[in-house]
């Protein structure tokens, strides 16, 4: 006889159940996540979360919200399958599917006694909306340890990595804030065979940015990361989100193509010597904003562009490749920059190709 289809819990029923637990002096633990490919890290985490109280409710991201968080290639398993597998665990008492990127709405409704998150979080890296919701309902936040080397991203990477000696093209996570002209040049170089790489994900900090439209038109995974309100910086929650999404994409290199935020820890430490930036000057001259304007005002006879590794000091990482552009009589900032852009569109794919061939062993040049 065929088993009946599993039906996730309704939110109203979970709220009523929480109140029953509360009246009986029992504590409800709540956690949430995608739980795309269930592995031992998930199981140990959920067991530990359940041990914090008397019952465990899990909020499961819907398929649509997983795609928004992780890109078009996810989830691997549908929300129905993921919910049923979770519910089969003895440590999980209720599973409900939610459709938003954030979980603050569920926290407000459920009012859990304890909120559990994995050790890759800290209280300050939780999104501000979630922190505020937890404060409103008086929930205790508990950060639980992770099992090293056990993650969905690592599992997917091992599954797609092939056997010993198998080579593959490097995967690129491209970050941009604007129209995406350099990203368009990268796509052209890939199509023409000048850049042997695959785009793992395109990420922007600006909803509606042109680079996202280019990715959408090309059928590539693309998403937006909320980097916070600080100009040119990324707050703790945004940095955590950015690292998670890049890792989830399986990217080998991170390419900054007009990304207007300064990268700091923990992003730099998560991808050491794997982040490349394109800057419109002949570094070390004229780091920072409007470099071509600085060169023009200084009376330089030539300007240009540089691809370099990203380090903690802005525009000061090791130089990988440069292209020179003469400053012509009568040049304005606009005319000079337009000629620099022509060289940028050639330089960036070439620099990525060379760096991947020389410094990513095991990958196909």
Protein backbone atom coordinates (compact mmCIF):
# COMPACT_ATOMS: atom_id res chain seq x y z
CA UNK A 1 0.00 0.00 0.00
CA UNK A 2 1.37 3.38 -0.99
CA UNK A 3 2.13 5.74 1.90
CA UNK A 4 0.10 8.97 2.02
CA UNK A 5 1.85 12.14 0.90
CA UNK A 6 3.44 14.07 3.76
CA UNK A 7 1.80 17.44 4.50
CA UNK A 8 3.91 20.09 6.30
CA UNK A 9 2.43 21.69 9.41
CA UNK A 10 0.26 24.80 9.04
CA UNK A 11 1.51 27.89 10.84
CA UNK A 12 -1.68 28.36 12.86
CA UNK A 13 -1.43 24.79 14.13
CA UNK A 14 2.20 25.34 15.16
CA UNK A 15 1.25 28.53 17.00
CA UNK A 16 -1.50 26.70 18.92
CA UNK A 17 0.93 23.87 19.70
CA UNK A 18 3.49 26.34 21.02
CA UNK A 19 0.88 27.80 23.39
CA UNK A 20 0.05 24.31 24.66
CA UNK A 21 3.70 23.67 25.37
CA UNK A 22 4.01 27.01 27.14
CA UNK A 23 1.02 26.32 29.40
CA UNK A 24 2.58 23.00 30.35
CA UNK A 25 5.86 24.72 31.27
CA UNK A 26 7.69 23.21 28.28
CA UNK A 27 10.06 25.01 25.89
CA UNK A 28 9.83 25.14 22.10
CA UNK A 29 13.06 25.33 20.10
CA UNK A 30 12.88 26.81 16.61
CA UNK A 31 15.39 26.75 13.77
CA UNK A 32 15.22 27.27 10.02
CA UNK A 33 17.10 26.59 6.81
CA UNK A 34 17.08 25.08 3.33
CA UNK A 35 18.19 21.54 4.32
CA UNK A 36 18.60 20.77 0.63
CA UNK A 37 20.68 17.58 0.81
CA UNK A 38 20.40 16.20 4.32
CA UNK A 39 23.80 15.11 5.69
CA UNK A 40 25.32 14.19 9.04
CA UNK A 41 26.06 17.83 9.83
CA UNK A 42 22.35 18.61 9.61
CA UNK A 43 21.36 15.60 11.71
CA UNK A 44 23.82 16.35 14.52
CA UNK A 45 22.80 20.01 14.50
CA UNK A 46 19.09 19.17 14.72
CA UNK A 47 19.68 16.68 17.53
CA UNK A 48 21.63 19.31 19.46
CA UNK A 49 18.89 21.89 18.85
CA UNK A 50 16.19 19.49 20.08
CA UNK A 51 18.15 18.84 23.26
CA UNK A 52 17.94 22.54 24.16
CA UNK A 53 14.21 22.27 24.96
CA UNK A 54 11.21 19.98 24.92
CA UNK A 55 10.18 20.18 21.25
CA UNK A 56 11.71 21.28 17.93
CA UNK A 57 9.98 23.11 15.08
CA UNK A 58 11.82 23.62 11.79
CA UNK A 59 11.04 26.38 9.29
CA UNK A 60 11.94 25.12 5.82
CA UNK A 61 12.65 27.52 2.95
CA UNK A 62 10.30 26.98 0.02
CA UNK A 63 11.73 26.16 -3.41
CA UNK A 64 11.24 29.78 -4.50
CA UNK A 65 13.07 31.21 -1.50
CA UNK A 66 15.92 28.70 -1.90
CA UNK A 67 16.36 29.84 -5.51
CA UNK A 68 16.46 33.43 -4.33
CA UNK A 69 19.02 32.61 -1.65
CA UNK A 70 21.18 30.08 -3.46
CA UNK A 71 20.66 30.74 -7.16
CA UNK A 72 18.80 29.08 -10.01
CA UNK A 73 20.55 25.72 -9.61
CA UNK A 74 19.02 25.10 -6.21
CA UNK A 75 17.30 23.42 -4.53
CA UNK A 76 18.40 19.96 -5.55
CA UNK A 77 15.35 18.46 -3.82
CA UNK A 78 11.83 19.89 -3.78
CA UNK A 79 10.30 21.46 -0.68
CA UNK A 80 7.92 18.53 -0.32
CA UNK A 81 10.73 15.99 -0.37
CA UNK A 82 12.89 18.06 1.96
CA UNK A 83 10.03 18.50 4.42
CA UNK A 84 9.22 14.79 4.48
CA UNK A 85 12.83 13.78 5.06
CA UNK A 86 13.16 16.28 7.92
CA UNK A 87 9.90 15.15 9.51
CA UNK A 88 11.14 11.54 9.50
CA UNK A 89 13.91 12.45 11.97
CA UNK A 90 13.07 11.53 15.56
CA UNK A 91 14.47 14.85 16.80
CA UNK A 92 12.11 16.98 14.63
CA UNK A 93 8.55 17.49 15.93
CA UNK A 94 7.09 19.88 13.34
CA UNK A 95 8.13 21.09 9.87
CA UNK A 96 6.57 24.07 8.13
CA UNK A 97 7.42 25.62 4.78
CA UNK A 98 7.87 29.39 4.52
CA UNK A 99 8.27 31.53 1.41
CA UNK A 100 10.19 34.63 2.53
CA UNK A 101 13.95 35.14 2.50
CA UNK A 102 13.84 36.18 6.16
CA UNK A 103 12.32 34.33 9.06
CA UNK A 104 11.32 37.28 11.28
CA UNK A 105 7.63 36.83 10.38
CA UNK A 106 7.69 33.23 11.61
CA UNK A 107 9.48 34.25 14.79
CA UNK A 108 6.81 36.86 15.52
CA UNK A 109 4.02 34.32 15.03
CA UNK A 110 5.54 31.29 16.71
CA UNK A 111 7.25 33.10 19.61
CA UNK A 112 9.77 30.31 20.26
CA UNK A 113 11.40 30.05 23.66
CA UNK A 114 14.78 29.22 22.07
CA UNK A 115 16.10 30.07 18.59
CA UNK A 116 18.96 27.88 17.33
CA UNK A 117 21.41 28.69 14.52
CA UNK A 118 24.56 27.04 13.23
CA UNK A 119 28.09 27.95 14.27
CA UNK A 120 28.75 29.83 11.04
CA UNK A 121 26.54 32.54 12.56
CA UNK A 122 27.03 34.88 15.47
CA UNK A 123 24.20 36.88 17.05
CA UNK A 124 25.47 40.03 15.31
CA UNK A 125 25.50 38.36 11.87
CA UNK A 126 21.80 37.54 12.02
CA UNK A 127 19.79 39.92 9.81
CA UNK A 128 18.63 43.00 11.79
CA UNK A 129 14.96 42.11 11.21
CA UNK A 130 15.50 38.69 12.78
CA UNK A 131 17.42 40.10 15.73
CA UNK A 132 14.61 42.58 16.38
CA UNK A 133 11.93 39.87 16.13
CA UNK A 134 13.83 37.67 18.59
CA UNK A 135 14.09 40.60 20.99
CA UNK A 136 10.35 41.29 20.69
CA UNK A 137 9.35 37.74 21.58
CA UNK A 138 12.04 37.29 24.23
CA UNK A 139 13.62 34.25 22.59
CA UNK A 140 16.96 32.95 23.79
CA UNK A 141 19.49 32.68 20.92
CA UNK A 142 21.76 29.63 20.93
CA UNK A 143 24.59 29.18 18.43
CA UNK A 144 25.40 25.51 17.85
CA UNK A 145 28.60 23.95 16.58
CA UNK A 146 28.98 22.70 13.01
CA UNK A 147 30.53 19.45 11.84
CA UNK A 148 33.73 20.43 9.97
CA UNK A 149 33.69 19.61 6.27
CA UNK A 150 30.00 18.67 6.27
CA UNK A 151 27.85 21.05 4.28
CA UNK A 152 25.43 20.96 1.36
CA UNK A 153 27.87 22.98 -0.76
CA UNK A 154 30.72 20.57 -0.02
CA UNK A 155 28.47 17.62 -0.83
CA UNK A 156 27.42 19.11 -4.16
CA UNK A 157 31.05 19.94 -4.95
CA UNK A 158 32.15 16.35 -4.28
CA UNK A 159 29.29 15.00 -6.39
CA UNK A 160 30.23 17.19 -9.34
CA UNK A 161 33.98 16.94 -8.99
CA UNK A 162 34.44 13.66 -10.84
CA UNK A 163 37.00 11.03 -10.01
CA UNK A 164 40.72 11.31 -9.43
CA UNK A 165 42.46 13.09 -12.26
CA UNK A 166 39.26 14.61 -13.62
CA UNK A 167 39.65 18.22 -14.72
CA UNK A 168 36.95 20.83 -15.04
CA UNK A 169 36.69 24.48 -15.97
CA UNK A 170 36.99 27.02 -13.14
CA UNK A 171 33.71 28.36 -11.78
CA UNK A 172 33.37 32.12 -11.29
CA UNK A 173 31.22 34.13 -8.90
CA UNK A 174 30.87 37.59 -10.42
CA UNK A 175 30.00 40.56 -8.20
CA UNK A 176 28.81 43.84 -9.68
CA UNK A 177 26.78 46.91 -8.77
CA UNK A 178 26.09 48.51 -12.14
CA UNK A 179 25.32 47.90 -15.81
CA UNK A 180 27.67 44.94 -16.10
CA UNK A 181 29.73 45.91 -19.14
CA UNK A 182 32.74 43.94 -17.92
CA UNK A 183 30.53 40.96 -17.17
CA UNK A 184 29.21 41.19 -20.73
CA UNK A 185 32.82 41.13 -21.94
CA UNK A 186 33.47 38.02 -19.84
CA UNK A 187 30.48 36.27 -21.40
CA UNK A 188 31.74 37.23 -24.86
CA UNK A 189 35.20 35.85 -24.05
CA UNK A 190 33.69 32.58 -22.82
CA UNK A 191 31.56 32.25 -25.95
CA UNK A 192 34.54 33.00 -28.18
CA UNK A 193 36.80 30.51 -26.40
CA UNK A 194 39.20 33.11 -24.99
CA UNK A 195 38.10 32.43 -21.40
CA UNK A 196 37.69 28.80 -20.39
CA UNK A 197 35.44 29.17 -17.37
CA UNK A 198 31.84 28.82 -16.24
CA UNK A 199 29.75 31.41 -14.41
CA UNK A 200 28.59 29.90 -11.11
CA UNK A 201 26.56 32.88 -9.93
CA UNK A 202 26.15 36.62 -10.48
CA UNK A 203 25.62 38.66 -7.32
CA UNK A 204 24.72 42.32 -6.93
CA UNK A 205 24.15 44.58 -3.96
CA UNK A 206 21.74 46.68 -6.04
CA UNK A 207 18.26 45.30 -6.84
CA UNK A 208 17.52 45.91 -10.51
CA UNK A 209 21.18 46.38 -11.48
CA UNK A 210 21.91 45.87 -15.15
CA UNK A 211 24.34 43.04 -14.43
CA UNK A 212 21.43 41.01 -13.07
CA UNK A 213 19.50 41.57 -16.29
CA UNK A 214 22.47 40.30 -18.29
CA UNK A 215 22.68 37.19 -16.11
CA UNK A 216 18.94 36.60 -16.43
CA UNK A 217 19.08 36.92 -20.20
CA UNK A 218 21.96 34.43 -20.29
CA UNK A 219 20.04 31.96 -18.11
CA UNK A 220 22.63 32.18 -15.32
CA UNK A 221 22.07 32.01 -11.55
CA UNK A 222 21.75 35.54 -10.19
CA UNK A 223 20.73 37.08 -6.89
CA UNK A 224 20.87 40.15 -4.67
CA UNK A 225 22.67 40.40 -1.34
CA UNK A 226 21.52 43.03 1.14
CA UNK A 227 24.86 44.53 2.18
CA UNK A 228 23.37 47.04 4.65
CA UNK A 229 23.04 50.80 4.75
CA UNK A 230 26.73 51.70 5.19
CA UNK A 231 28.02 53.36 2.05
CA UNK A 232 30.74 51.33 0.33
CA UNK A 233 30.88 48.85 3.22
CA UNK A 234 29.17 45.54 4.02
CA UNK A 235 27.58 44.96 7.42
CA UNK A 236 28.07 41.72 9.37
CA UNK A 237 24.83 40.11 8.23
CA UNK A 238 25.52 41.02 4.61
CA UNK A 239 29.06 39.65 4.75
CA UNK A 240 27.81 36.37 6.20
CA UNK A 241 25.14 36.16 3.49
CA UNK A 242 27.66 36.94 0.75
CA UNK A 243 30.09 34.25 1.92
CA UNK A 244 27.29 31.69 2.18
CA UNK A 245 26.01 32.40 -1.31
CA UNK A 246 29.42 32.30 -2.96
CA UNK A 247 30.22 29.03 -1.21
CA UNK A 248 26.85 27.60 -2.18
CA UNK A 249 27.62 28.34 -5.84
CA UNK A 250 30.76 26.20 -5.76
CA UNK A 251 32.82 29.07 -7.21
CA UNK A 252 36.60 28.74 -7.48
CA UNK A 253 37.23 32.46 -8.04
CA UNK A 254 35.38 35.62 -7.07
CA UNK A 255 35.51 38.36 -9.70
CA UNK A 256 34.74 41.96 -8.77
CA UNK A 257 33.42 43.60 -11.92
CA UNK A 258 32.25 47.03 -10.83
CA UNK A 259 31.29 45.96 -7.30
CA UNK A 260 31.08 49.18 -5.29
CA UNK A 261 31.62 47.74 -1.81
CA UNK A 262 34.92 47.25 0.03
CA UNK A 263 35.51 43.62 0.96
CA UNK A 264 36.72 42.95 4.49
CA UNK A 265 36.71 39.99 6.87
CA UNK A 266 35.13 37.46 6.94
CA UNK A 267 34.84 37.61 3.15
CA UNK A 268 38.58 37.94 2.53
CA UNK A 269 39.42 35.05 4.83
CA UNK A 270 36.79 32.83 3.22
CA UNK A 271 38.41 33.12 -0.23
CA UNK A 272 42.13 33.80 0.26
CA UNK A 273 43.93 34.62 -2.99
CA UNK A 274 40.72 33.80 -4.85
CA UNK A 275 39.23 37.31 -5.23
CA UNK A 276 40.19 39.35 -8.31
CA UNK A 277 39.36 43.01 -8.83
CA UNK A 278 39.50 45.23 -11.91
CA UNK A 279 40.64 48.81 -11.23
CA UNK A 280 40.80 51.66 -13.81
CA UNK A 281 44.35 52.84 -13.20
CA UNK A 282 47.91 51.62 -13.43
CA UNK A 283 48.23 50.59 -9.81
CA UNK A 284 49.86 51.37 -7.46
CA UNK A 285 49.06 54.81 -8.86
CA UNK A 286 45.63 56.23 -8.10
CA UNK A 287 43.84 53.70 -5.94
CA UNK A 288 40.29 54.45 -4.88
CA UNK A 289 37.47 56.29 -6.55
CA UNK A 290 37.57 57.93 -10.04
CA UNK A 291 41.13 56.84 -10.70
CA UNK A 292 41.13 58.02 -14.34
CA UNK A 293 40.06 61.50 -13.20
CA UNK A 294 42.96 61.54 -10.75
CA UNK A 295 45.37 60.58 -13.54
CA UNK A 296 44.01 63.26 -15.86
CA UNK A 297 44.24 65.98 -13.21
CA UNK A 298 47.80 64.94 -12.38
CA UNK A 299 48.84 65.48 -16.00
CA UNK A 300 49.79 61.86 -16.62
CA UNK A 301 50.82 60.90 -20.14
CA UNK A 302 49.23 57.47 -19.78
CA UNK A 303 46.51 55.81 -17.77
CA UNK A 304 45.18 52.28 -17.92
CA UNK A 305 43.68 49.43 -15.90
CA UNK A 306 44.83 46.69 -13.55
CA UNK A 307 43.58 43.31 -12.41
CA UNK A 308 44.85 42.50 -8.93
CA UNK A 309 44.17 40.20 -6.01
CA UNK A 310 42.02 41.72 -3.29
CA UNK A 311 43.59 42.20 0.14
CA UNK A 312 42.64 44.13 3.27
CA UNK A 313 44.23 47.33 1.93
CA UNK A 314 42.10 48.85 -0.82
CA UNK A 315 43.55 48.41 -4.34
CA UNK A 316 46.89 47.28 -2.92
CA UNK A 317 46.89 43.53 -3.59
CA UNK A 318 49.37 41.76 -5.87
CA UNK A 319 49.09 42.91 -9.48
CA UNK A 320 48.20 40.18 -11.97
CA UNK A 321 47.95 42.01 -15.29
CA UNK A 322 47.82 45.58 -16.64
CA UNK A 323 46.91 47.41 -19.83
CA UNK A 324 48.16 50.90 -20.71
CA UNK A 325 46.12 53.65 -22.36
CA UNK A 326 47.81 56.87 -23.60
CA UNK A 327 46.28 60.16 -22.52
CA UNK A 328 45.58 62.12 -25.69
CA UNK A 329 45.51 65.91 -26.13
CA UNK A 330 42.08 67.27 -25.36
CA UNK A 331 41.02 64.18 -23.40
CA UNK A 332 38.18 64.62 -20.94
CA UNK A 333 37.39 62.26 -18.11
CA UNK A 334 34.65 60.74 -20.28
CA UNK A 335 36.77 60.19 -23.40
CA UNK A 336 39.69 58.77 -21.42
CA UNK A 337 37.49 56.41 -19.45
CA UNK A 338 35.77 55.16 -22.60
CA UNK A 339 39.15 54.07 -24.00
CA UNK A 340 40.15 52.51 -20.67
CA UNK A 341 36.94 50.49 -20.73
CA UNK A 342 37.87 49.03 -24.12
CA UNK A 343 41.07 47.68 -22.53
CA UNK A 344 39.22 46.54 -19.38
CA UNK A 345 36.98 44.34 -21.48
CA UNK A 346 40.04 42.60 -22.93
CA UNK A 347 42.17 42.60 -19.79
CA UNK A 348 39.77 41.02 -17.29
CA UNK A 349 39.05 37.78 -19.23
CA UNK A 350 42.75 37.40 -20.06
CA UNK A 351 43.79 37.88 -16.43
CA UNK A 352 41.22 35.35 -15.20
CA UNK A 353 42.37 32.83 -17.80
CA UNK A 354 46.03 33.20 -16.81
CA UNK A 355 45.40 33.14 -13.07
CA UNK A 356 43.18 30.06 -13.26
CA UNK A 357 45.74 28.21 -15.38
CA UNK A 358 48.65 29.03 -13.07
CA UNK A 359 47.14 29.02 -9.60
CA UNK A 360 44.16 26.66 -9.62
CA UNK A 361 45.78 23.23 -9.85
CA UNK A 362 43.55 20.43 -11.03
CA UNK A 363 41.30 22.68 -13.06
CA UNK A 364 41.27 22.74 -16.83
CA UNK A 365 43.20 25.73 -18.25
